[in-house]
Structures are given as structure tokens and as C-alpha cells.
């Protein structure tokens, strides 16, 4: 995968956990931004999406809100 994968999460989000497990199992490197750790992260999510929803996944310059419903497109970008 060229570029960088970022994921904005919160600890209690099951879709966030699913996404991280998928990335780990497929040895896809990512940078996690826990929105509970830093108040700047939720602001970044709002700037990216206009919403405050996790997981927000950024692959290069493509932004996805949610993981399960975007799995096919995300997988295609990461192959």
C-alpha cells in the first residue's frame, strides 16, 4: 500500500475494533488516533467529514466514515 492509513477511533466502538483487527490480521500498517486521548482528534474528524463519527478512516486522501459498510472499497485500495 502506498501512502498512509489513519483511523480515528474510540475504545467502545465495535466497528473501530473490527477495522483494527482487519488491518492487524492483514498486516496493514495504520496510525490510530483515539478521539478520547486528544480533543484535537474529534475536531479533525469533523473537518474531514462534517460529522463526529468513528471510525473515520483516511487512506491517502480518501475518507471513509465507518468500516463494515466500506470494507469492499477499503480492501480494494489496500491491495
PDB file of N, CA and C in Angstrom:
ATOM      1  N   UNK A   1       0.850  -1.182   0.000  1.00  0.00           N
ATOM      2  CA  UNK A   1       0.000   0.000   0.000  1.00  0.00           C
ATOM      3  C   UNK A   1       0.887   1.234   0.000  1.00  0.00           C
ATOM      4  N   UNK A   2       0.665   2.074  -0.944  1.00  0.00           N
ATOM      5  CA  UNK A   2       1.383   3.346  -0.968  1.00  0.00           C
ATOM      6  C   UNK A   2       0.648   4.331  -0.081  1.00  0.00           C
ATOM      7  N   UNK A   3       1.387   5.212   0.555  1.00  0.00           N
ATOM      8  CA  UNK A   3       0.733   6.229   1.369  1.00  0.00           C
ATOM      9  C   UNK A   3       0.510   5.762   2.783  1.00  0.00           C
ATOM     10  N   UNK A   4      -0.433   6.397   3.435  1.00  0.00           N
ATOM     11  CA  UNK A   4      -0.622   6.214   4.858  1.00  0.00           C
ATOM     12  C   UNK A   4      -2.087   5.956   5.171  1.00  0.00           C
ATOM     13  N   UNK A   5      -2.329   5.093   6.137  1.00  0.00           N
ATOM     14  CA  UNK A   5      -3.676   4.819   6.612  1.00  0.00           C
ATOM     15  C   UNK A   5      -3.789   5.363   8.028  1.00  0.00           C
ATOM     16  N   UNK A   6      -4.815   6.200   8.238  1.00  0.00           N
ATOM     17  CA  UNK A   6      -5.109   6.732   9.570  1.00  0.00           C
ATOM     18  C   UNK A   6      -6.507   6.282   9.952  1.00  0.00           C
ATOM     19  N   UNK A   7      -6.703   5.974  11.225  1.00  0.00           N
ATOM     20  CA  UNK A   7      -8.034   5.616  11.707  1.00  0.00           C
ATOM     21  C   UNK A   7      -8.299   6.371  13.008  1.00  0.00           C
ATOM     22  N   UNK A   8      -9.428   7.055  13.033  1.00  0.00           N
ATOM     23  CA  UNK A   8      -9.883   7.779  14.225  1.00  0.00           C
ATOM     24  C   UNK A   8     -10.879   6.871  14.931  1.00  0.00           C
ATOM     25  N   UNK A   9     -10.668   6.652  16.236  1.00  0.00           N
ATOM     26  CA  UNK A   9     -11.435   5.666  16.985  1.00  0.00           C
ATOM     27  C   UNK A   9     -11.856   6.191  18.353  1.00  0.00           C
ATOM     28  N   UNK A  10     -12.695   5.392  19.015  1.00  0.00           N
ATOM     29  CA  UNK A  10     -12.902   5.470  20.462  1.00  0.00           C
ATOM     30  C   UNK A  10     -12.880   4.030  20.972  1.00  0.00           C
ATOM     31  N   UNK A  11     -12.487   3.800  22.212  1.00  0.00           N
ATOM     32  CA  UNK A  11     -12.323   2.431  22.720  1.00  0.00           C
ATOM     33  C   UNK A  11     -13.592   1.578  22.704  1.00  0.00           C
ATOM     34  N   UNK A  12     -14.763   2.178  22.851  1.00  0.00           N
ATOM     35  CA  UNK A  12     -16.003   1.403  22.952  1.00  0.00           C
ATOM     36  C   UNK A  12     -16.676   1.136  21.608  1.00  0.00           C
ATOM     37  N   UNK A  13     -16.044   1.521  20.519  1.00  0.00           N
ATOM     38  CA  UNK A  13     -16.634   1.391  19.183  1.00  0.00           C
ATOM     39  C   UNK A  13     -16.336   0.005  18.598  1.00  0.00           C
ATOM     40  N   UNK A  14     -17.370  -0.801  18.385  1.00  0.00           N
ATOM     41  CA  UNK A  14     -17.163  -2.151  17.853  1.00  0.00           C
ATOM     42  C   UNK A  14     -16.676  -2.128  16.399  1.00  0.00           C
ATOM     43  N   UNK A  15     -17.142  -1.168  15.596  1.00  0.00           N
ATOM     44  CA  UNK A  15     -16.690  -1.074  14.213  1.00  0.00           C
ATOM     45  C   UNK A  15     -15.212  -0.669  14.158  1.00  0.00           C
ATOM     46  N   UNK A  16     -14.774   0.146  15.117  1.00  0.00           N
ATOM     47  CA  UNK A  16     -13.357   0.522  15.223  1.00  0.00           C
ATOM     48  C   UNK A  16     -12.517  -0.713  15.528  1.00  0.00           C
ATOM     49  N   UNK A  17     -12.982  -1.520  16.467  1.00  0.00           N
ATOM     50  CA  UNK A  17     -12.279  -2.744  16.850  1.00  0.00           C
ATOM     51  C   UNK A  17     -12.195  -3.695  15.663  1.00  0.00           C
ATOM     52  N   UNK A  18     -13.284  -3.836  14.939  1.00  0.00           N
ATOM     53  CA  UNK A  18     -13.331  -4.688  13.747  1.00  0.00           C
ATOM     54  C   UNK A  18     -12.317  -4.208  12.709  1.00  0.00           C
ATOM     55  N   UNK A  19     -12.262  -2.904  12.476  1.00  0.00           N
ATOM     56  CA  UNK A  19     -11.332  -2.337  11.489  1.00  0.00           C
ATOM     57  C   UNK A  19      -9.890  -2.602  11.901  1.00  0.00           C
ATOM     58  N   UNK A  20      -9.563  -2.335  13.156  1.00  0.00           N
ATOM     59  CA  UNK A  20      -8.186  -2.544  13.623  1.00  0.00           C
ATOM     60  C   UNK A  20      -7.793  -4.018  13.551  1.00  0.00           C
ATOM     61  N   UNK A  21      -8.719  -4.900  13.902  1.00  0.00           N
ATOM     62  CA  UNK A  21      -8.442  -6.341  13.806  1.00  0.00           C
ATOM     63  C   UNK A  21      -8.185  -6.734  12.349  1.00  0.00           C
ATOM     64  N   UNK A  22      -8.995  -6.222  11.424  1.00  0.00           N
ATOM     65  CA  UNK A  22      -8.804  -6.496   9.994  1.00  0.00           C
ATOM     66  C   UNK A  22      -7.423  -6.021   9.542  1.00  0.00           C
ATOM     67  N   UNK A  23      -7.055  -4.797   9.896  1.00  0.00           N
ATOM     68  CA  UNK A  23      -5.754  -4.261   9.495  1.00  0.00           C
ATOM     69  C   UNK A  23      -4.618  -5.095  10.092  1.00  0.00           C
ATOM     70  N   UNK A  24      -4.730  -5.447  11.363  1.00  0.00           N
ATOM     71  CA  UNK A  24      -3.688  -6.240  12.012  1.00  0.00           C
ATOM     72  C   UNK A  24      -3.564  -7.630  11.395  1.00  0.00           C
ATOM     73  N   UNK A  25      -4.700  -8.304  11.180  1.00  0.00           N
ATOM     74  CA  UNK A  25      -4.682  -9.651  10.609  1.00  0.00           C
ATOM     75  C   UNK A  25      -4.108  -9.659   9.198  1.00  0.00           C
ATOM     76  N   UNK A  26      -4.280  -8.559   8.476  1.00  0.00           N
ATOM     77  CA  UNK A  26      -3.790  -8.463   7.107  1.00  0.00           C
ATOM     78  C   UNK A  26      -2.462  -7.709   7.016  1.00  0.00           C
ATOM     79  N   UNK A  27      -1.860  -7.476   8.182  1.00  0.00           N
ATOM     80  CA  UNK A  27      -0.562  -6.805   8.277  1.00  0.00           C
ATOM     81  C   UNK A  27      -0.528  -5.484   7.508  1.00  0.00           C
ATOM     82  N   UNK A  28      -1.587  -4.711   7.697  1.00  0.00           N
ATOM     83  CA  UNK A  28      -1.703  -3.396   7.072  1.00  0.00           C
ATOM     84  C   UNK A  28      -1.360  -2.354   8.132  1.00  0.00           C
ATOM     85  N   UNK A  29      -0.273  -1.628   7.951  1.00  0.00           N
ATOM     86  CA  UNK A  29       0.106  -0.637   8.957  1.00  0.00           C
ATOM     87  C   UNK A  29      -0.867   0.542   8.990  1.00  0.00           C
ATOM     88  N   UNK A  30      -1.130   1.031  10.181  1.00  0.00           N
ATOM     89  CA  UNK A  30      -2.027   2.181  10.335  1.00  0.00           C
ATOM     90  C   UNK A  30      -1.583   3.001  11.531  1.00  0.00           C
ATOM     91  N   UNK A  31      -2.053   4.231  11.551  1.00  0.00           N
ATOM     92  CA  UNK A  31      -1.850   5.094  12.703  1.00  0.00           C
ATOM     93  C   UNK A  31      -3.222   5.321  13.318  1.00  0.00           C
ATOM     94  N   UNK A  32      -3.347   5.034  14.611  1.00  0.00           N
ATOM     95  CA  UNK A  32      -4.619   5.194  15.307  1.00  0.00           C
ATOM     96  C   UNK A  32      -4.638   6.506  16.073  1.00  0.00           C
ATOM     97  N   UNK A  33      -5.749   7.208  15.949  1.00  0.00           N
ATOM     98  CA  UNK A  33      -5.992   8.435  16.693  1.00  0.00           C
ATOM     99  C   UNK A  33      -7.218   8.202  17.577  1.00  0.00           C
ATOM    100  N   UNK A  34      -6.986   7.953  18.862  1.00  0.00           N
ATOM    101  CA  UNK A  34      -8.068   7.735  19.808  1.00  0.00           C
ATOM    102  C   UNK A  34      -8.663   9.093  20.168  1.00  0.00           C
ATOM    103  N   UNK A  35      -9.907   9.294  19.789  1.00  0.00           N
ATOM    104  CA  UNK A  35     -10.570  10.593  19.980  1.00  0.00           C
ATOM    105  C   UNK A  35     -10.793  10.937  21.444  1.00  0.00           C
ATOM    106  N   UNK A  36     -10.617   9.957  22.339  1.00  0.00           N
ATOM    107  CA  UNK A  36     -10.727  10.246  23.765  1.00  0.00           C
ATOM    108  C   UNK A  36      -9.400  10.706  24.356  1.00  0.00           C
ATOM    109  N   UNK A  37      -8.310  10.522  23.620  1.00  0.00           N
ATOM    110  CA  UNK A  37      -6.985  10.889  24.127  1.00  0.00           C
ATOM    111  C   UNK A  37      -6.625  12.349  23.889  1.00  0.00           C
ATOM    112  N   UNK A  38      -7.197  12.936  22.863  1.00  0.00           N
ATOM    113  CA  UNK A  38      -6.802  14.297  22.485  1.00  0.00           C
ATOM    114  C   UNK A  38      -8.006  14.996  21.866  1.00  0.00           C
ATOM    115  N   UNK A  39      -8.347  16.161  22.388  1.00  0.00           N
ATOM    116  CA  UNK A  39      -9.529  16.878  21.890  1.00  0.00           C
ATOM    117  C   UNK A  39      -9.355  17.373  20.461  1.00  0.00           C
ATOM    118  N   UNK A  40      -8.138  17.375  19.951  1.00  0.00           N
ATOM    119  CA  UNK A  40      -7.913  17.788  18.557  1.00  0.00           C
ATOM    120  C   UNK A  40      -8.436  16.738  17.580  1.00  0.00           C
ATOM    121  N   UNK A  41      -8.427  15.458  17.969  1.00  0.00           N
ATOM    122  CA  UNK A  41      -8.833  14.403  17.046  1.00  0.00           C
ATOM    123  C   UNK A  41     -10.304  14.482  16.633  1.00  0.00           C
ATOM    124  N   UNK A  42     -11.233  14.696  17.569  1.00  0.00           N
ATOM    125  CA  UNK A  42     -12.627  14.860  17.134  1.00  0.00           C
ATOM    126  C   UNK A  42     -12.812  16.067  16.205  1.00  0.00           C
ATOM    127  N   UNK A  43     -12.039  17.125  16.435  1.00  0.00           N
ATOM    128  CA  UNK A  43     -12.106  18.292  15.534  1.00  0.00           C
ATOM    129  C   UNK A  43     -11.618  17.914  14.140  1.00  0.00           C
ATOM    130  N   UNK A  44     -10.555  17.116  14.074  1.00  0.00           N
ATOM    131  CA  UNK A  44     -10.052  16.663  12.776  1.00  0.00           C
ATOM    132  C   UNK A  44     -11.111  15.834  12.048  1.00  0.00           C
ATOM    133  N   UNK A  45     -11.791  14.952  12.784  1.00  0.00           N
ATOM    134  CA  UNK A  45     -12.855  14.137  12.184  1.00  0.00           C
ATOM    135  C   UNK A  45     -13.945  15.036  11.619  1.00  0.00           C
ATOM    136  N   UNK A  46     -14.351  16.038  12.389  1.00  0.00           N
ATOM    137  CA  UNK A  46     -15.393  16.962  11.919  1.00  0.00           C
ATOM    138  C   UNK A  46     -14.932  17.720  10.675  1.00  0.00           C
ATOM    139  N   UNK A  47     -13.679  18.129  10.641  1.00  0.00           N
ATOM    140  CA  UNK A  47     -13.151  18.821   9.461  1.00  0.00           C
ATOM    141  C   UNK A  47     -13.124  17.901   8.245  1.00  0.00           C
ATOM    142  N   UNK A  48     -12.813  16.626   8.453  1.00  0.00           N
ATOM    143  CA  UNK A  48     -12.740  15.666   7.349  1.00  0.00           C
ATOM    144  C   UNK A  48     -14.105  15.271   6.820  1.00  0.00           C
ATOM    145  N   UNK A  49     -15.096  15.150   7.727  1.00  0.00           N
ATOM    146  CA  UNK A  49     -16.379  14.538   7.355  1.00  0.00           C
ATOM    147  C   UNK A  49     -17.595  15.441   7.533  1.00  0.00           C
ATOM    148  N   UNK A  50     -17.447  16.492   8.311  1.00  0.00           N
ATOM    149  CA  UNK A  50     -18.616  17.301   8.655  1.00  0.00           C
ATOM    150  C   UNK A  50     -19.430  16.675   9.776  1.00  0.00           C
ATOM    151  N   UNK A  51     -18.957  15.555  10.305  1.00  0.00           N
ATOM    152  CA  UNK A  51     -19.659  14.813  11.360  1.00  0.00           C
ATOM    153  C   UNK A  51     -18.636  14.429  12.424  1.00  0.00           C
ATOM    154  N   UNK A  52     -19.126  13.865  13.510  1.00  0.00           N
ATOM    155  CA  UNK A  52     -18.238  13.303  14.532  1.00  0.00           C
ATOM    156  C   UNK A  52     -18.591  11.834  14.673  1.00  0.00           C
ATOM    157  N   UNK A  53     -18.144  11.048  13.718  1.00  0.00           N
ATOM    158  CA  UNK A  53     -18.456   9.626  13.675  1.00  0.00           C
ATOM    159  C   UNK A  53     -17.156   8.842  13.583  1.00  0.00           C
ATOM    160  N   UNK A  54     -17.064   7.772  14.371  1.00  0.00           N
ATOM    161  CA  UNK A  54     -15.932   6.857  14.282  1.00  0.00           C
ATOM    162  C   UNK A  54     -16.447   5.474  13.914  1.00  0.00           C
ATOM    163  N   UNK A  55     -15.654   4.667  13.277  1.00  0.00           N
ATOM    164  CA  UNK A  55     -14.334   5.028  12.816  1.00  0.00           C
ATOM    165  C   UNK A  55     -14.395   5.930  11.587  1.00  0.00           C
ATOM    166  N   UNK A  56     -13.492   6.852  11.542  1.00  0.00           N
ATOM    167  CA  UNK A  56     -13.217   7.609  10.327  1.00  0.00           C
ATOM    168  C   UNK A  56     -11.855   7.127   9.863  1.00  0.00           C
ATOM    169  N   UNK A  57     -11.811   6.661   8.630  1.00  0.00           N
ATOM    170  CA  UNK A  57     -10.598   6.062   8.083  1.00  0.00           C
ATOM    171  C   UNK A  57     -10.140   6.909   6.911  1.00  0.00           C
ATOM    172  N   UNK A  58      -8.866   7.249   6.913  1.00  0.00           N
ATOM    173  CA  UNK A  58      -8.284   8.057   5.836  1.00  0.00           C
ATOM    174  C   UNK A  58      -7.161   7.242   5.209  1.00  0.00           C
ATOM    175  N   UNK A  59      -7.306   6.992   3.915  1.00  0.00           N
ATOM    176  CA  UNK A  59      -6.285   6.287   3.154  1.00  0.00           C
ATOM    177  C   UNK A  59      -5.824   7.248   2.074  1.00  0.00           C
ATOM    178  N   UNK A  60      -4.566   7.685   2.206  1.00  0.00           N
ATOM    179  CA  UNK A  60      -4.045   8.754   1.353  1.00  0.00           C
ATOM    180  C   UNK A  60      -4.974   9.949   1.493  1.00  0.00           C
ATOM    181  N   UNK A  61      -5.733  10.343   0.474  1.00  0.00           N
ATOM    182  CA  UNK A  61      -6.642  11.486   0.608  1.00  0.00           C
ATOM    183  C   UNK A  61      -8.108  11.065   0.535  1.00  0.00           C
ATOM    184  N   UNK A  62      -8.391   9.769   0.614  1.00  0.00           N
ATOM    185  CA  UNK A  62      -9.761   9.257   0.560  1.00  0.00           C
ATOM    186  C   UNK A  62     -10.260   9.031   1.982  1.00  0.00           C
ATOM    187  N   UNK A  63     -11.450   9.555   2.287  1.00  0.00           N
ATOM    188  CA  UNK A  63     -12.011   9.492   3.640  1.00  0.00           C
ATOM    189  C   UNK A  63     -13.224   8.566   3.655  1.00  0.00           C
ATOM    190  N   UNK A  64     -13.250   7.660   4.626  1.00  0.00           N
ATOM    191  CA  UNK A  64     -14.363   6.735   4.815  1.00  0.00           C
ATOM    192  C   UNK A  64     -14.942   6.939   6.207  1.00  0.00           C
ATOM    193  N   UNK A  65     -16.260   7.008   6.294  1.00  0.00           N
ATOM    194  CA  UNK A  65     -16.958   7.069   7.579  1.00  0.00           C
ATOM    195  C   UNK A  65     -17.552   5.695   7.803  1.00  0.00           C
ATOM    196  N   UNK A  66     -17.040   5.000   8.801  1.00  0.00           N
ATOM    197  CA  UNK A  66     -17.460   3.631   9.057  1.00  0.00           C
ATOM    198  C   UNK A  66     -16.536   2.656   8.353  1.00  0.00           C
ATOM    199  N   UNK A  67     -16.528   1.418   8.856  1.00  0.00           N
ATOM    200  CA  UNK A  67     -15.646   0.406   8.271  1.00  0.00           C
ATOM    201  C   UNK A  67     -16.424  -0.688   7.556  1.00  0.00           C
ATOM    202  N   UNK A  68     -17.321  -1.352   8.259  1.00  0.00           N
ATOM    203  CA  UNK A  68     -18.002  -2.523   7.698  1.00  0.00           C
ATOM    204  C   UNK A  68     -18.682  -2.207   6.373  1.00  0.00           C
ATOM    205  N   UNK A  69     -19.365  -1.076   6.304  1.00  0.00           N
ATOM    206  CA  UNK A  69     -20.084  -0.719   5.074  1.00  0.00           C
ATOM    207  C   UNK A  69     -19.156  -0.272   3.949  1.00  0.00           C
ATOM    208  N   UNK A  70     -17.906  -0.003   4.272  1.00  0.00           N
ATOM    209  CA  UNK A  70     -16.914   0.430   3.278  1.00  0.00           C
ATOM    210  C   UNK A  70     -15.819  -0.607   3.052  1.00  0.00           C
ATOM    211  N   UNK A  71     -15.967  -1.798   3.630  1.00  0.00           N
ATOM    212  CA  UNK A  71     -14.913  -2.811   3.601  1.00  0.00           C
ATOM    213  C   UNK A  71     -14.461  -3.147   2.187  1.00  0.00           C
ATOM    214  N   UNK A  72     -15.385  -3.326   1.273  1.00  0.00           N
ATOM    215  CA  UNK A  72     -15.010  -3.701  -0.097  1.00  0.00           C
ATOM    216  C   UNK A  72     -14.099  -2.639  -0.728  1.00  0.00           C
ATOM    217  N   UNK A  73     -14.510  -1.386  -0.663  1.00  0.00           N
ATOM    218  CA  UNK A  73     -13.718  -0.313  -1.274  1.00  0.00           C
ATOM    219  C   UNK A  73     -12.382  -0.133  -0.547  1.00  0.00           C
ATOM    220  N   UNK A  74     -12.401  -0.225   0.773  1.00  0.00           N
ATOM    221  CA  UNK A  74     -11.160  -0.093   1.544  1.00  0.00           C
ATOM    222  C   UNK A  74     -10.202  -1.229   1.164  1.00  0.00           C
ATOM    223  N   UNK A  75     -10.707  -2.458   1.097  1.00  0.00           N
ATOM    224  CA  UNK A  75      -9.876  -3.596   0.734  1.00  0.00           C
ATOM    225  C   UNK A  75      -9.252  -3.417  -0.642  1.00  0.00           C
ATOM    226  N   UNK A  76     -10.027  -2.919  -1.588  1.00  0.00           N
ATOM    227  CA  UNK A  76      -9.513  -2.709  -2.946  1.00  0.00           C
ATOM    228  C   UNK A  76      -8.385  -1.667  -2.961  1.00  0.00           C
ATOM    229  N   UNK A  77      -8.490  -0.657  -2.120  1.00  0.00           N
ATOM    230  CA  UNK A  77      -7.437   0.361  -2.059  1.00  0.00           C
ATOM    231  C   UNK A  77      -6.156  -0.177  -1.427  1.00  0.00           C
ATOM    232  N   UNK A  78      -6.296  -1.163  -0.561  1.00  0.00           N
ATOM    233  CA  UNK A  78      -5.155  -1.646   0.207  1.00  0.00           C
ATOM    234  C   UNK A  78      -4.425  -2.806  -0.453  1.00  0.00           C
ATOM    235  N   UNK A  79      -4.957  -3.346  -1.522  1.00  0.00           N
ATOM    236  CA  UNK A  79      -4.311  -4.483  -2.188  1.00  0.00           C
ATOM    237  C   UNK A  79      -3.178  -4.022  -3.058  1.00  0.00           C
TER     238      UNK A  79
END
